[in-house]
Amino acid sequence: MKTILLHIGDDSGLKSRLQVALDLARAHEAHLTCMQPSIQIAPMTYAPMAGHFVADINFTEMQDLERAHREKVEAQLKSEDVPWSWQVGLGDPASLLIEQSGLADLLIVSQQAGKGAKDNDPLPIAGDVAVHAHAATMIVPAESNSFDSTKPIAIAWNGSKEAARAIRFALPALKLASDVHIVTIDEGRELPPLDASTYLSRYGIASNLHQINARKRKASEVIEEFAAEIEASAIVMGAYGHSRLRETLMGGVTRELLHKSRFPLLMGH
């Protein structure tokens, strides 16, 4: 992991995701690329009603706020022992991050707020970014104050291609973890599947297998409870193993943890 792409925005989640990004950059001796989406809009001709709407928006003030926020964050970065660079992009934040993820090893965004979201809450882009990014995506809860790369990591394994890709993406993080735990939810098998453990062993990564009976509980709750028991630094998992529509209508592990996880999620799709 040598290139980390971080979403920069003036929201309540920036402090946590920036600190996690800095901790990861130090642990992996990686470069931090800060991507700041901008609202700058070139002059255009609008219909009469649209013209009145646009005239009511003070773009100069908004650009000044963006500039001031950049200067504030850069001042902090200059005091850190991490190499970094700054990029400003025009357009939708999720699309910009996805476009720039092709040459990144990890993309970091914040967990989206649940019900009762406030104006300064992180943008609700985590799900779209995790599904479409060309790199691993880490979703950071607002309460994450740091990231210890030497702590254990939990892997939510269901044999899907999404979960398999998440494991491949997470290899650099798994190599630094003190312990790796592969968790499957009991579906009537006598023994847990060994595919993921066998794959990791070829990279010199030992893992512990756990098959847990959910006992009518949500799989997301079982996984998070296990992560808490082992004091995990993160949960590695696939993003939307079923279709997103099905997860939206029926509920699912991805949807639940994207909104409620207390642990950073390291995801692949």
Protein backbone atom coordinates (compact mmCIF):
# COMPACT_ATOMS: atom_id res chain seq x y z
CA MET A 1 0.00 0.00 0.00
CA LYS A 2 1.88 3.02 -1.27
CA THR A 3 -0.81 5.47 -2.44
CA ILE A 4 -3.74 6.51 -0.27
CA LEU A 5 -6.49 8.69 -1.74
CA LEU A 6 -8.39 10.75 0.84
CA HIS A 7 -11.67 12.61 0.37
CA ILE A 8 -11.31 16.18 1.60
CA GLY A 9 -14.46 18.02 2.56
CA ASP A 10 -15.42 20.51 5.25
CA ASP A 11 -17.60 18.11 7.20
CA SER A 12 -17.75 16.55 10.65
CA GLY A 13 -16.08 13.35 9.47
CA LEU A 14 -12.87 14.89 8.12
CA LYS A 15 -10.97 14.85 11.41
CA SER A 16 -11.42 11.10 11.87
CA ARG A 17 -10.76 10.06 8.27
CA LEU A 18 -7.71 12.33 8.04
CA GLN A 19 -6.22 10.85 11.21
CA VAL A 20 -6.87 7.31 10.00
CA ALA A 21 -5.27 8.18 6.66
CA LEU A 22 -2.18 9.62 8.38
CA ASP A 23 -1.81 6.57 10.63
CA LEU A 24 -2.08 4.22 7.65
CA ALA A 25 0.36 6.29 5.59
CA ARG A 26 2.95 6.07 8.37
CA ALA A 27 2.47 2.34 8.89
CA HIS A 28 2.83 1.57 5.18
CA GLU A 29 5.28 4.38 4.30
CA ALA A 30 2.69 5.55 1.79
CA HIS A 31 1.96 8.79 -0.04
CA LEU A 32 -1.26 10.61 0.87
CA THR A 33 -3.20 12.20 -2.00
CA CYS A 34 -5.85 14.66 -0.83
CA MET A 35 -8.77 15.09 -3.24
CA GLN A 36 -10.89 18.20 -2.67
CA PRO A 37 -14.04 18.37 -4.83
CA SER A 38 -14.84 21.98 -5.71
CA ILE A 39 -18.12 23.78 -6.36
CA GLN A 40 -16.49 26.23 -8.77
CA ILE A 41 -18.80 26.75 -11.77
CA ALA A 42 -17.90 28.52 -15.00
CA PRO A 43 -20.23 31.34 -16.15
CA MET A 44 -23.14 29.94 -18.18
CA THR A 45 -26.34 31.16 -19.80
CA TYR A 46 -29.42 30.09 -17.90
CA ALA A 47 -33.15 30.30 -18.45
CA PRO A 48 -34.77 33.28 -16.67
CA MET A 49 -35.92 31.36 -13.59
CA ALA A 50 -32.66 29.41 -13.31
CA GLY A 51 -30.77 32.68 -13.67
CA HIS A 52 -32.48 34.09 -10.58
CA PHE A 53 -31.66 30.93 -8.66
CA VAL A 54 -27.98 31.02 -9.61
CA ALA A 55 -27.77 34.74 -8.89
CA ASP A 56 -28.79 34.00 -5.31
CA ILE A 57 -25.73 31.78 -4.82
CA ASN A 58 -22.57 33.59 -3.76
CA PHE A 59 -19.97 31.48 -5.56
CA THR A 60 -17.15 33.83 -4.59
CA GLU A 61 -17.91 33.32 -0.92
CA MET A 62 -18.12 29.55 -1.37
CA GLN A 63 -14.79 29.48 -3.18
CA ASP A 64 -13.23 31.59 -0.42
CA LEU A 65 -14.48 29.06 2.13
CA GLU A 66 -12.97 26.20 0.11
CA ARG A 67 -9.65 28.03 -0.09
CA ALA A 68 -9.64 28.75 3.65
CA HIS A 69 -10.44 25.13 4.43
CA ARG A 70 -7.64 23.92 2.18
CA GLU A 71 -5.16 26.23 3.90
CA LYS A 72 -6.26 24.94 7.30
CA VAL A 73 -5.82 21.29 6.34
CA GLU A 74 -2.52 21.94 4.56
CA ALA A 75 -1.19 23.66 7.68
CA GLN A 76 -1.81 20.45 9.61
CA LEU A 77 -0.31 18.25 6.90
CA LYS A 78 2.89 20.32 6.88
CA SER A 79 3.42 19.39 10.53
CA GLU A 80 3.00 15.66 9.86
CA ASP A 81 5.77 13.25 8.84
CA VAL A 82 3.85 11.95 5.82
CA PRO A 83 4.42 12.80 2.13
CA TRP A 84 1.29 14.32 0.63
CA SER A 85 -0.10 16.15 -2.37
CA TRP A 86 -3.30 18.08 -3.06
CA GLN A 87 -5.72 17.78 -5.94
CA VAL A 88 -8.80 19.90 -6.67
CA GLY A 89 -11.48 18.43 -8.90
CA LEU A 90 -14.63 19.84 -10.46
CA GLY A 91 -17.72 17.68 -10.35
CA ASP A 92 -19.60 15.18 -8.25
CA PRO A 93 -17.43 14.07 -5.27
CA ALA A 94 -18.19 10.35 -5.63
CA SER A 95 -17.43 10.38 -9.37
CA LEU A 96 -14.18 12.30 -8.84
CA LEU A 97 -12.96 9.89 -6.19
CA ILE A 98 -13.86 6.87 -8.31
CA GLU A 99 -12.08 8.34 -11.34
CA GLN A 100 -8.93 9.02 -9.33
CA SER A 101 -8.89 5.60 -7.61
CA GLY A 102 -7.35 3.78 -10.57
CA LEU A 103 -3.80 4.40 -9.39
CA ALA A 104 -4.54 4.30 -5.66
CA ASP A 105 -4.15 1.36 -3.30
CA LEU A 106 -6.70 2.64 -0.81
CA LEU A 107 -9.50 5.19 -0.97
CA ILE A 108 -10.76 6.66 2.31
CA VAL A 109 -14.20 8.18 2.86
CA SER A 110 -16.40 8.69 5.91
CA GLN A 111 -19.31 6.62 7.08
CA GLN A 112 -22.53 8.28 6.04
CA ALA A 113 -24.87 9.57 8.71
CA GLY A 114 -28.09 7.79 9.51
CA LYS A 115 -31.46 9.35 10.22
CA GLY A 116 -31.51 12.97 11.28
CA ALA A 117 -28.44 13.92 9.24
CA LYS A 118 -27.10 17.44 9.78
CA ASP A 119 -25.76 19.90 7.22
CA ASN A 120 -22.15 19.30 8.24
CA ASP A 121 -22.40 15.49 8.22
CA PRO A 122 -20.25 13.60 5.67
CA LEU A 123 -21.71 13.25 2.19
CA PRO A 124 -23.67 10.00 1.65
CA ILE A 125 -21.22 8.66 -0.93
CA ALA A 126 -19.65 5.68 0.85
CA GLY A 127 -21.88 3.05 -0.78
CA ASP A 128 -21.42 4.32 -4.35
CA VAL A 129 -17.67 4.72 -3.91
CA ALA A 130 -17.23 1.25 -2.40
CA VAL A 131 -19.09 -0.36 -5.30
CA HIS A 132 -17.43 1.50 -8.17
CA ALA A 133 -13.91 2.31 -6.95
CA HIS A 134 -10.93 0.62 -8.60
CA ALA A 135 -9.16 0.19 -5.28
CA ALA A 136 -9.92 -0.88 -1.75
CA THR A 137 -12.30 1.51 -0.01
CA MET A 138 -12.10 2.23 3.70
CA ILE A 139 -15.22 3.67 5.31
CA VAL A 140 -14.32 5.44 8.55
CA PRO A 141 -16.82 6.06 11.38
CA ALA A 142 -16.82 9.58 12.81
CA GLU A 143 -15.76 8.29 16.24
CA SER A 144 -12.53 6.68 14.94
CA ASN A 145 -9.71 8.70 16.49
CA SER A 146 -6.79 6.65 15.18
CA PHE A 147 -5.86 3.46 13.35
CA ASP A 148 -3.47 0.88 14.80
CA SER A 149 -2.25 -1.28 11.92
CA THR A 150 -0.83 -3.88 14.33
CA LYS A 151 -4.19 -4.77 15.89
CA PRO A 152 -6.20 -7.83 14.77
CA ILE A 153 -8.41 -7.68 11.69
CA ALA A 154 -11.71 -9.49 11.17
CA ILE A 155 -12.70 -10.77 7.72
CA ALA A 156 -16.39 -11.34 6.97
CA TRP A 157 -16.22 -14.27 4.56
CA ASN A 158 -19.14 -15.67 2.56
CA GLY A 159 -17.31 -17.01 -0.48
CA SER A 160 -18.55 -14.26 -2.81
CA LYS A 161 -16.43 -12.61 -5.48
CA GLU A 162 -16.87 -9.31 -3.62
CA ALA A 163 -15.49 -10.77 -0.39
CA ALA A 164 -12.63 -12.39 -2.31
CA ARG A 165 -11.73 -9.07 -3.92
CA ALA A 166 -11.82 -7.35 -0.54
CA ILE A 167 -9.30 -9.87 0.79
CA ARG A 168 -6.99 -9.32 -2.18
CA PHE A 169 -7.26 -5.55 -1.77
CA ALA A 170 -6.58 -5.86 1.98
CA LEU A 171 -3.39 -7.94 1.73
CA PRO A 172 -1.05 -5.08 2.76
CA ALA A 173 -3.16 -4.39 5.85
CA LEU A 174 -3.49 -8.08 6.69
CA LYS A 175 0.30 -8.52 6.60
CA LEU A 176 0.73 -5.92 9.34
CA ALA A 177 -2.09 -7.18 11.58
CA SER A 178 -1.13 -9.13 14.71
CA ASP A 179 -3.92 -11.65 14.04
CA VAL A 180 -6.31 -12.31 11.17
CA HIS A 181 -9.70 -13.83 11.93
CA ILE A 182 -11.97 -15.17 9.19
CA VAL A 183 -15.62 -15.19 10.24
CA THR A 184 -18.39 -17.10 8.49
CA ILE A 185 -22.02 -17.27 9.54
CA ASP A 186 -23.17 -20.85 10.11
CA GLU A 187 -25.32 -22.02 7.20
CA GLY A 188 -25.47 -25.69 8.09
CA ARG A 189 -21.95 -26.64 7.03
CA GLU A 190 -20.08 -29.09 9.24
CA LEU A 191 -16.81 -27.23 8.74
CA PRO A 192 -16.12 -23.61 7.71
CA PRO A 193 -14.84 -23.10 4.13
CA LEU A 194 -11.05 -23.01 3.86
CA ASP A 195 -10.60 -21.11 0.58
CA ALA A 196 -9.79 -17.73 2.11
CA SER A 197 -7.46 -19.20 4.72
CA THR A 198 -5.60 -21.22 2.08
CA TYR A 199 -5.21 -18.13 -0.11
CA LEU A 200 -3.80 -16.05 2.73
CA SER A 201 -1.37 -18.80 3.75
CA ARG A 202 0.31 -18.51 0.35
CA TYR A 203 1.21 -14.94 1.31
CA GLY A 204 2.57 -16.05 4.66
CA ILE A 205 -0.50 -14.80 6.52
CA ALA A 206 -1.80 -17.13 9.22
CA SER A 207 -5.50 -16.93 9.97
CA ASN A 208 -8.00 -18.21 12.49
CA LEU A 209 -11.31 -19.66 11.28
CA HIS A 210 -14.57 -19.00 13.09
CA GLN A 211 -17.99 -20.32 12.12
CA ILE A 212 -20.67 -18.59 14.18
CA ASN A 213 -24.34 -19.47 14.50
CA ALA A 214 -26.28 -16.22 14.18
CA ARG A 215 -29.19 -17.65 16.23
CA LYS A 216 -31.76 -15.47 14.47
CA ARG A 217 -29.63 -12.35 14.91
CA LYS A 218 -28.60 -10.15 12.00
CA ALA A 219 -25.34 -11.21 10.42
CA SER A 220 -24.10 -7.62 10.65
CA GLU A 221 -24.58 -7.66 14.43
CA VAL A 222 -22.75 -10.97 14.78
CA ILE A 223 -19.79 -9.73 12.74
CA GLU A 224 -19.51 -6.47 14.65
CA GLU A 225 -19.82 -8.21 17.99
CA PHE A 226 -16.99 -10.55 17.02
CA ALA A 227 -14.84 -7.60 15.90
CA ALA A 228 -15.39 -6.00 19.30
CA GLU A 229 -14.38 -9.19 21.11
CA ILE A 230 -11.02 -9.39 19.35
CA GLU A 231 -10.51 -5.59 19.52
CA ALA A 232 -10.16 -5.42 15.75
CA SER A 233 -8.79 -2.41 13.92
CA ALA A 234 -11.10 -3.02 10.95
CA ILE A 235 -13.55 -5.37 9.28
CA VAL A 236 -12.68 -6.60 5.78
CA MET A 237 -15.75 -7.43 3.70
CA GLY A 238 -17.28 -7.38 0.25
CA ALA A 239 -19.55 -4.52 -0.75
CA TYR A 240 -23.06 -5.68 -1.70
CA GLY A 241 -22.76 -9.40 -2.28
CA HIS A 242 -26.37 -9.34 -3.47
CA SER A 243 -27.75 -6.66 -5.78
CA ARG A 244 -27.99 -3.21 -4.23
CA LEU A 245 -31.72 -3.13 -4.91
CA ARG A 246 -32.23 -6.37 -3.02
CA GLU A 247 -30.18 -5.10 -0.09
CA THR A 248 -32.16 -1.85 -0.06
CA LEU A 249 -35.49 -3.67 -0.03
CA MET A 250 -34.61 -6.64 2.15
CA GLY A 251 -31.71 -5.35 4.23
CA GLY A 252 -28.23 -6.81 4.17
CA VAL A 253 -24.83 -6.92 5.82
CA THR A 254 -23.34 -4.18 3.63
CA ARG A 255 -26.25 -1.82 4.09
CA GLU A 256 -26.36 -2.32 7.86
CA LEU A 257 -22.64 -1.91 8.47
CA LEU A 258 -22.24 1.04 6.10
CA HIS A 259 -24.54 3.01 8.38
CA LYS A 260 -23.88 1.53 11.81
CA SER A 261 -20.44 -0.07 12.08
CA ARG A 262 -18.25 1.18 14.92
CA PHE A 263 -15.21 -0.17 13.07
CA PRO A 264 -13.59 1.03 9.85
CA LEU A 265 -14.74 -1.13 6.95
CA LEU A 266 -12.18 -2.20 4.34
CA MET A 267 -14.30 -3.07 1.33
CA GLY A 268 -13.99 -4.41 -2.21
CA HIS A 269 -16.58 -5.11 -4.87
